[in-house]
Amino acid sequence: MLPAELRRRDGIKAGQEFEIESLGRGDYKLKRVARRNRGLVKHLLACPAKDWFKPLGRTETTDGIEPLELG
């Protein structure tokens, strides 16, 4: 857990994710992971048209698809 002073100073909120890089024995670098489109999903779910938008499950995303090589 990060000390409260660091969390306040850097605006770190509960639930934020970080990448951890080892710099050597006992030394680490934390890099905040940007959240993707969470506000957009919330906005789409609030659409007044019933069932207009349904988010896909984690297994139904395109994140694992490798791009085709064209040419």
PDB file of N, CA and C in Angstrom:
ATOM      1  N   MET A   1       0.847  -1.177   0.000  1.00  0.00           N
ATOM      2  CA  MET A   1       0.000   0.000   0.000  1.00  0.00           C
ATOM      3  C   MET A   1       0.895   1.245   0.000  1.00  0.00           C
ATOM      4  N   LEU A   2       0.491   2.221  -0.766  1.00  0.00           N
ATOM      5  CA  LEU A   2       1.248   3.474  -0.806  1.00  0.00           C
ATOM      6  C   LEU A   2       0.861   4.350   0.379  1.00  0.00           C
ATOM      7  N   PRO A   3       1.825   5.060   0.947  1.00  0.00           N
ATOM      8  CA  PRO A   3       1.508   5.962   2.059  1.00  0.00           C
ATOM      9  C   PRO A   3       0.490   7.035   1.650  1.00  0.00           C
ATOM     10  N   ALA A   4      -0.356   7.428   2.597  1.00  0.00           N
ATOM     11  CA  ALA A   4      -1.416   8.411   2.341  1.00  0.00           C
ATOM     12  C   ALA A   4      -0.853   9.721   1.796  1.00  0.00           C
ATOM     13  N   GLU A   5       0.301  10.152   2.293  1.00  0.00           N
ATOM     14  CA  GLU A   5       0.905  11.400   1.825  1.00  0.00           C
ATOM     15  C   GLU A   5       1.187  11.356   0.320  1.00  0.00           C
ATOM     16  N   LEU A   6       1.713  10.230  -0.168  1.00  0.00           N
ATOM     17  CA  LEU A   6       1.985  10.078  -1.605  1.00  0.00           C
ATOM     18  C   LEU A   6       0.680  10.050  -2.405  1.00  0.00           C
ATOM     19  N   ARG A   7      -0.322   9.333  -1.893  1.00  0.00           N
ATOM     20  CA  ARG A   7      -1.608   9.252  -2.608  1.00  0.00           C
ATOM     21  C   ARG A   7      -2.249  10.622  -2.737  1.00  0.00           C
ATOM     22  N   ARG A   8      -2.208  11.411  -1.666  1.00  0.00           N
ATOM     23  CA  ARG A   8      -2.786  12.773  -1.718  1.00  0.00           C
ATOM     24  C   ARG A   8      -2.001  13.649  -2.678  1.00  0.00           C
ATOM     25  N   ARG A   9      -0.683  13.625  -2.573  1.00  0.00           N
ATOM     26  CA  ARG A   9       0.163  14.485  -3.395  1.00  0.00           C
ATOM     27  C   ARG A   9      -0.017  14.213  -4.886  1.00  0.00           C
ATOM     28  N   ASP A  10      -0.136  12.936  -5.247  1.00  0.00           N
ATOM     29  CA  ASP A  10      -0.208  12.575  -6.655  1.00  0.00           C
ATOM     30  C   ASP A  10      -1.626  12.295  -7.151  1.00  0.00           C
ATOM     31  N   GLY A  11      -2.626  12.524  -6.302  1.00  0.00           N
ATOM     32  CA  GLY A  11      -4.016  12.345  -6.732  1.00  0.00           C
ATOM     33  C   GLY A  11      -4.362  10.904  -7.054  1.00  0.00           C
ATOM     34  N   ILE A  12      -3.805   9.963  -6.303  1.00  0.00           N
ATOM     35  CA  ILE A  12      -4.068   8.546  -6.538  1.00  0.00           C
ATOM     36  C   ILE A  12      -5.356   8.164  -5.817  1.00  0.00           C
ATOM     37  N   LYS A  13      -6.276   7.577  -6.581  1.00  0.00           N
ATOM     38  CA  LYS A  13      -7.583   7.176  -6.049  1.00  0.00           C
ATOM     39  C   LYS A  13      -7.623   5.668  -5.856  1.00  0.00           C
ATOM     40  N   ALA A  14      -8.501   5.214  -4.980  1.00  0.00           N
ATOM     41  CA  ALA A  14      -8.686   3.778  -4.746  1.00  0.00           C
ATOM     42  C   ALA A  14      -9.073   3.090  -6.048  1.00  0.00           C
ATOM     43  N   GLY A  15      -8.488   1.949  -6.307  1.00  0.00           N
ATOM     44  CA  GLY A  15      -8.825   1.175  -7.489  1.00  0.00           C
ATOM     45  C   GLY A  15      -7.989   1.489  -8.721  1.00  0.00           C
ATOM     46  N   GLN A  16      -7.172   2.536  -8.676  1.00  0.00           N
ATOM     47  CA  GLN A  16      -6.330   2.836  -9.828  1.00  0.00           C
ATOM     48  C   GLN A  16      -5.283   1.743  -9.988  1.00  0.00           C
ATOM     49  N   GLU A  17      -4.936   1.458 -11.246  1.00  0.00           N
ATOM     50  CA  GLU A  17      -3.981   0.398 -11.537  1.00  0.00           C
ATOM     51  C   GLU A  17      -2.645   0.987 -11.965  1.00  0.00           C
ATOM     52  N   PHE A  18      -1.576   0.226 -11.671  1.00  0.00           N
ATOM     53  CA  PHE A  18      -0.220   0.644 -11.992  1.00  0.00           C
ATOM     54  C   PHE A  18       0.550  -0.502 -12.626  1.00  0.00           C
ATOM     55  N   GLU A  19       1.463  -0.171 -13.518  1.00  0.00           N
ATOM     56  CA  GLU A  19       2.444  -1.126 -14.016  1.00  0.00           C
ATOM     57  C   GLU A  19       3.642  -1.010 -13.082  1.00  0.00           C
ATOM     58  N   ILE A  20       4.263  -2.133 -12.778  1.00  0.00           N
ATOM     59  CA  ILE A  20       5.416  -2.135 -11.888  1.00  0.00           C
ATOM     60  C   ILE A  20       6.627  -2.624 -12.667  1.00  0.00           C
ATOM     61  N   GLU A  21       7.699  -1.821 -12.638  1.00  0.00           N
ATOM     62  CA  GLU A  21       8.947  -2.181 -13.312  1.00  0.00           C
ATOM     63  C   GLU A  21      10.048  -2.293 -12.265  1.00  0.00           C
ATOM     64  N   SER A  22      10.770  -3.399 -12.290  1.00  0.00           N
ATOM     65  CA  SER A  22      11.874  -3.584 -11.365  1.00  0.00           C
ATOM     66  C   SER A  22      13.093  -2.831 -11.885  1.00  0.00           C
ATOM     67  N   LEU A  23      13.640  -1.964 -11.046  1.00  0.00           N
ATOM     68  CA  LEU A  23      14.835  -1.200 -11.407  1.00  0.00           C
ATOM     69  C   LEU A  23      16.095  -1.819 -10.823  1.00  0.00           C
ATOM     70  N   GLY A  24      15.926  -2.805 -10.017  1.00  0.00           N
ATOM     71  CA  GLY A  24      17.035  -3.459  -9.326  1.00  0.00           C
ATOM     72  C   GLY A  24      16.518  -4.005  -8.022  1.00  0.00           C
ATOM     73  N   ARG A  25      17.355  -4.682  -7.305  1.00  0.00           N
ATOM     74  CA  ARG A  25      16.919  -5.314  -6.058  1.00  0.00           C
ATOM     75  C   ARG A  25      16.335  -4.282  -5.090  1.00  0.00           C
ATOM     76  N   GLY A  26      15.047  -4.397  -4.834  1.00  0.00           N
ATOM     77  CA  GLY A  26      14.363  -3.523  -3.879  1.00  0.00           C
ATOM     78  C   GLY A  26      13.927  -2.176  -4.432  1.00  0.00           C
ATOM     79  N   ASP A  27      14.236  -1.855  -5.691  1.00  0.00           N
ATOM     80  CA  ASP A  27      13.840  -0.586  -6.294  1.00  0.00           C
ATOM     81  C   ASP A  27      12.851  -0.845  -7.425  1.00  0.00           C
ATOM     82  N   TYR A  28      11.733  -0.112  -7.390  1.00  0.00           N
ATOM     83  CA  TYR A  28      10.686  -0.314  -8.371  1.00  0.00           C
ATOM     84  C   TYR A  28      10.175   1.015  -8.902  1.00  0.00           C
ATOM     85  N   LYS A  29       9.665   0.987 -10.113  1.00  0.00           N
ATOM     86  CA  LYS A  29       9.054   2.159 -10.730  1.00  0.00           C
ATOM     87  C   LYS A  29       7.574   1.839 -10.952  1.00  0.00           C
ATOM     88  N   LEU A  30       6.699   2.726 -10.476  1.00  0.00           N
ATOM     89  CA  LEU A  30       5.255   2.571 -10.687  1.00  0.00           C
ATOM     90  C   LEU A  30       4.825   3.523 -11.788  1.00  0.00           C
ATOM     91  N   LYS A  31       4.028   3.034 -12.718  1.00  0.00           N
ATOM     92  CA  LYS A  31       3.492   3.877 -13.781  1.00  0.00           C
ATOM     93  C   LYS A  31       1.984   3.677 -13.805  1.00  0.00           C
ATOM     94  N   ARG A  32       1.259   4.786 -13.632  1.00  0.00           N
ATOM     95  CA  ARG A  32      -0.202   4.720 -13.606  1.00  0.00           C
ATOM     96  C   ARG A  32      -0.726   4.259 -14.957  1.00  0.00           C
ATOM     97  N   VAL A  33      -1.663   3.317 -14.941  1.00  0.00           N
ATOM     98  CA  VAL A  33      -2.289   2.808 -16.163  1.00  0.00           C
ATOM     99  C   VAL A  33      -3.536   3.640 -16.427  1.00  0.00           C
ATOM    100  N   ALA A  34      -3.602   4.225 -17.611  1.00  0.00           N
ATOM    101  CA  ALA A  34      -4.760   5.055 -17.963  1.00  0.00           C
ATOM    102  C   ALA A  34      -5.985   4.174 -18.167  1.00  0.00           C
ATOM    103  N   ARG A  35      -7.105   4.581 -17.627  1.00  0.00           N
ATOM    104  CA  ARG A  35      -8.355   3.867 -17.848  1.00  0.00           C
ATOM    105  C   ARG A  35      -8.896   4.226 -19.216  1.00  0.00           C
ATOM    106  N   ARG A  36      -9.429   3.232 -19.899  1.00  0.00           N
ATOM    107  CA  ARG A  36      -9.912   3.453 -21.254  1.00  0.00           C
ATOM    108  C   ARG A  36     -11.423   3.584 -21.291  1.00  0.00           C
ATOM    109  N   ASN A  37     -11.917   4.706 -21.736  1.00  0.00           N
ATOM    110  CA  ASN A  37     -13.321   4.927 -22.080  1.00  0.00           C
ATOM    111  C   ASN A  37     -14.333   4.587 -20.991  1.00  0.00           C
ATOM    112  N   ARG A  38     -13.958   4.600 -19.740  1.00  0.00           N
ATOM    113  CA  ARG A  38     -14.933   4.290 -18.695  1.00  0.00           C
ATOM    114  C   ARG A  38     -16.061   5.315 -18.674  1.00  0.00           C
ATOM    115  N   GLY A  39     -15.749   6.576 -18.936  1.00  0.00           N
ATOM    116  CA  GLY A  39     -16.787   7.594 -18.988  1.00  0.00           C
ATOM    117  C   GLY A  39     -17.703   7.395 -20.176  1.00  0.00           C
ATOM    118  N   LEU A  40     -17.163   6.942 -21.289  1.00  0.00           N
ATOM    119  CA  LEU A  40     -17.963   6.695 -22.480  1.00  0.00           C
ATOM    120  C   LEU A  40     -18.959   5.572 -22.233  1.00  0.00           C
ATOM    121  N   VAL A  41     -18.517   4.481 -21.624  1.00  0.00           N
ATOM    122  CA  VAL A  41     -19.416   3.365 -21.345  1.00  0.00           C
ATOM    123  C   VAL A  41     -20.535   3.814 -20.418  1.00  0.00           C
ATOM    124  N   LYS A  42     -20.199   4.575 -19.382  1.00  0.00           N
ATOM    125  CA  LYS A  42     -21.216   5.079 -18.452  1.00  0.00           C
ATOM    126  C   LYS A  42     -22.226   5.951 -19.199  1.00  0.00           C
ATOM    127  N   HIS A  43     -21.741   6.800 -20.089  1.00  0.00           N
ATOM    128  CA  HIS A  43     -22.613   7.672 -20.885  1.00  0.00           C
ATOM    129  C   HIS A  43     -23.541   6.847 -21.782  1.00  0.00           C
ATOM    130  N   LEU A  44     -22.998   5.839 -22.448  1.00  0.00           N
ATOM    131  CA  LEU A  44     -23.806   5.009 -23.332  1.00  0.00           C
ATOM    132  C   LEU A  44     -24.857   4.202 -22.565  1.00  0.00           C
ATOM    133  N   LEU A  45     -24.495   3.724 -21.377  1.00  0.00           N
ATOM    134  CA  LEU A  45     -25.450   2.977 -20.569  1.00  0.00           C
ATOM    135  C   LEU A  45     -26.600   3.861 -20.089  1.00  0.00           C
ATOM    136  N   ALA A  46     -26.359   5.165 -19.991  1.00  0.00           N
ATOM    137  CA  ALA A  46     -27.392   6.104 -19.540  1.00  0.00           C
ATOM    138  C   ALA A  46     -28.329   6.525 -20.666  1.00  0.00           C
ATOM    139  N   CYS A  47     -28.141   6.013 -21.879  1.00  0.00           N
ATOM    140  CA  CYS A  47     -28.979   6.374 -23.020  1.00  0.00           C
ATOM    141  C   CYS A  47     -30.442   6.093 -22.695  1.00  0.00           C
ATOM    142  N   PRO A  48     -31.344   7.023 -22.985  1.00  0.00           N
ATOM    143  CA  PRO A  48     -32.762   6.829 -22.656  1.00  0.00           C
ATOM    144  C   PRO A  48     -33.446   5.736 -23.478  1.00  0.00           C
ATOM    145  N   ALA A  49     -32.902   5.359 -24.619  1.00  0.00           N
ATOM    146  CA  ALA A  49     -33.498   4.281 -25.419  1.00  0.00           C
ATOM    147  C   ALA A  49     -33.156   2.944 -24.752  1.00  0.00           C
ATOM    148  N   LYS A  50     -34.167   2.217 -24.300  1.00  0.00           N
ATOM    149  CA  LYS A  50     -33.963   0.977 -23.552  1.00  0.00           C
ATOM    150  C   LYS A  50     -33.146  -0.036 -24.365  1.00  0.00           C
ATOM    151  N   ASP A  51     -32.131  -0.595 -23.708  1.00  0.00           N
ATOM    152  CA  ASP A  51     -31.268  -1.623 -24.283  1.00  0.00           C
ATOM    153  C   ASP A  51     -30.568  -1.194 -25.565  1.00  0.00           C
ATOM    154  N   TRP A  52     -30.363   0.096 -25.745  1.00  0.00           N
ATOM    155  CA  TRP A  52     -29.686   0.597 -26.936  1.00  0.00           C
ATOM    156  C   TRP A  52     -28.231   0.167 -26.956  1.00  0.00           C
ATOM    157  N   PHE A  53     -27.605   0.166 -25.793  1.00  0.00           N
ATOM    158  CA  PHE A  53     -26.192  -0.196 -25.690  1.00  0.00           C
ATOM    159  C   PHE A  53     -26.026  -1.292 -24.661  1.00  0.00           C
ATOM    160  N   LYS A  54     -25.294  -2.339 -25.023  1.00  0.00           N
ATOM    161  CA  LYS A  54     -24.965  -3.409 -24.084  1.00  0.00           C
ATOM    162  C   LYS A  54     -23.459  -3.648 -24.167  1.00  0.00           C
ATOM    163  N   PRO A  55     -22.714  -3.412 -23.071  1.00  0.00           N
ATOM    164  CA  PRO A  55     -21.264  -3.630 -23.118  1.00  0.00           C
ATOM    165  C   PRO A  55     -20.960  -5.110 -23.302  1.00  0.00           C
ATOM    166  N   LEU A  56     -19.892  -5.405 -24.013  1.00  0.00           N
ATOM    167  CA  LEU A  56     -19.466  -6.776 -24.217  1.00  0.00           C
ATOM    168  C   LEU A  56     -18.691  -7.264 -23.010  1.00  0.00           C
ATOM    169  N   GLY A  57     -18.722  -8.554 -22.782  1.00  0.00           N
ATOM    170  CA  GLY A  57     -17.939  -9.145 -21.707  1.00  0.00           C
ATOM    171  C   GLY A  57     -16.462  -9.078 -22.041  1.00  0.00           C
ATOM    172  N   ARG A  58     -15.622  -9.272 -21.054  1.00  0.00           N
ATOM    173  CA  ARG A  58     -14.169  -9.184 -21.261  1.00  0.00           C
ATOM    174  C   ARG A  58     -13.683 -10.161 -22.324  1.00  0.00           C
ATOM    175  N   THR A  59     -14.321 -11.305 -22.466  1.00  0.00           N
ATOM    176  CA  THR A  59     -13.873 -12.281 -23.458  1.00  0.00           C
ATOM    177  C   THR A  59     -14.346 -11.925 -24.858  1.00  0.00           C
ATOM    178  N   GLU A  60     -15.201 -10.925 -24.979  1.00  0.00           N
ATOM    179  CA  GLU A  60     -15.748 -10.571 -26.279  1.00  0.00           C
ATOM    180  C   GLU A  60     -15.167  -9.273 -26.836  1.00  0.00           C
ATOM    181  N   THR A  61     -14.036  -8.851 -26.321  1.00  0.00           N
ATOM    182  CA  THR A  61     -13.413  -7.631 -26.824  1.00  0.00           C
ATOM    183  C   THR A  61     -12.446  -7.968 -27.947  1.00  0.00           C
ATOM    184  N   THR A  62     -11.942  -6.968 -28.605  1.00  0.00           N
ATOM    185  CA  THR A  62     -10.991  -7.155 -29.690  1.00  0.00           C
ATOM    186  C   THR A  62      -9.542  -7.056 -29.220  1.00  0.00           C
ATOM    187  N   ASP A  63      -9.321  -6.944 -27.908  1.00  0.00           N
ATOM    188  CA  ASP A  63      -7.974  -6.737 -27.372  1.00  0.00           C
ATOM    189  C   ASP A  63      -6.993  -7.838 -27.787  1.00  0.00           C
ATOM    190  N   GLY A  64      -7.453  -9.087 -27.914  1.00  0.00           N
ATOM    191  CA  GLY A  64      -6.548 -10.183 -28.217  1.00  0.00           C
ATOM    192  C   GLY A  64      -6.393 -10.473 -29.711  1.00  0.00           C
ATOM    193  N   ILE A  65      -7.027  -9.710 -30.560  1.00  0.00           N
ATOM    194  CA  ILE A  65      -6.968  -9.957 -31.999  1.00  0.00           C
ATOM    195  C   ILE A  65      -5.708  -9.332 -32.581  1.00  0.00           C
ATOM    196  N   GLU A  66      -4.937 -10.144 -33.282  1.00  0.00           N
ATOM    197  CA  GLU A  66      -3.727  -9.647 -33.940  1.00  0.00           C
ATOM    198  C   GLU A  66      -4.103  -9.033 -35.297  1.00  0.00           C
ATOM    199  N   PRO A  67      -3.517  -7.895 -35.658  1.00  0.00           N
ATOM    200  CA  PRO A  67      -3.840  -7.292 -36.953  1.00  0.00           C
ATOM    201  C   PRO A  67      -3.334  -8.148 -38.115  1.00  0.00           C
ATOM    202  N   LEU A  68      -4.088  -8.156 -39.200  1.00  0.00           N
ATOM    203  CA  LEU A  68      -3.674  -8.876 -40.392  1.00  0.00           C
ATOM    204  C   LEU A  68      -2.594  -8.103 -41.120  1.00  0.00           C
ATOM    205  N   GLU A  69      -1.666  -8.830 -41.717  1.00  0.00           N
ATOM    206  CA  GLU A  69      -0.644  -8.178 -42.538  1.00  0.00           C
ATOM    207  C   GLU A  69      -1.167  -8.079 -43.957  1.00  0.00           C
ATOM    208  N   LEU A  70      -1.253  -6.863 -44.450  1.00  0.00           N
ATOM    209  CA  LEU A  70      -1.760  -6.645 -45.794  1.00  0.00           C
ATOM    210  C   LEU A  70      -0.581  -6.461 -46.760  1.00  0.00           C
ATOM    211  N   GLY A  71      -0.765  -6.949 -47.976  1.00  0.00           N
ATOM    212  CA  GLY A  71       0.266  -6.675 -48.946  1.00  0.00           C
ATOM    213  C   GLY A  71       0.727  -7.819 -49.679  1.00  0.00           C
TER     214      GLY A  71
END
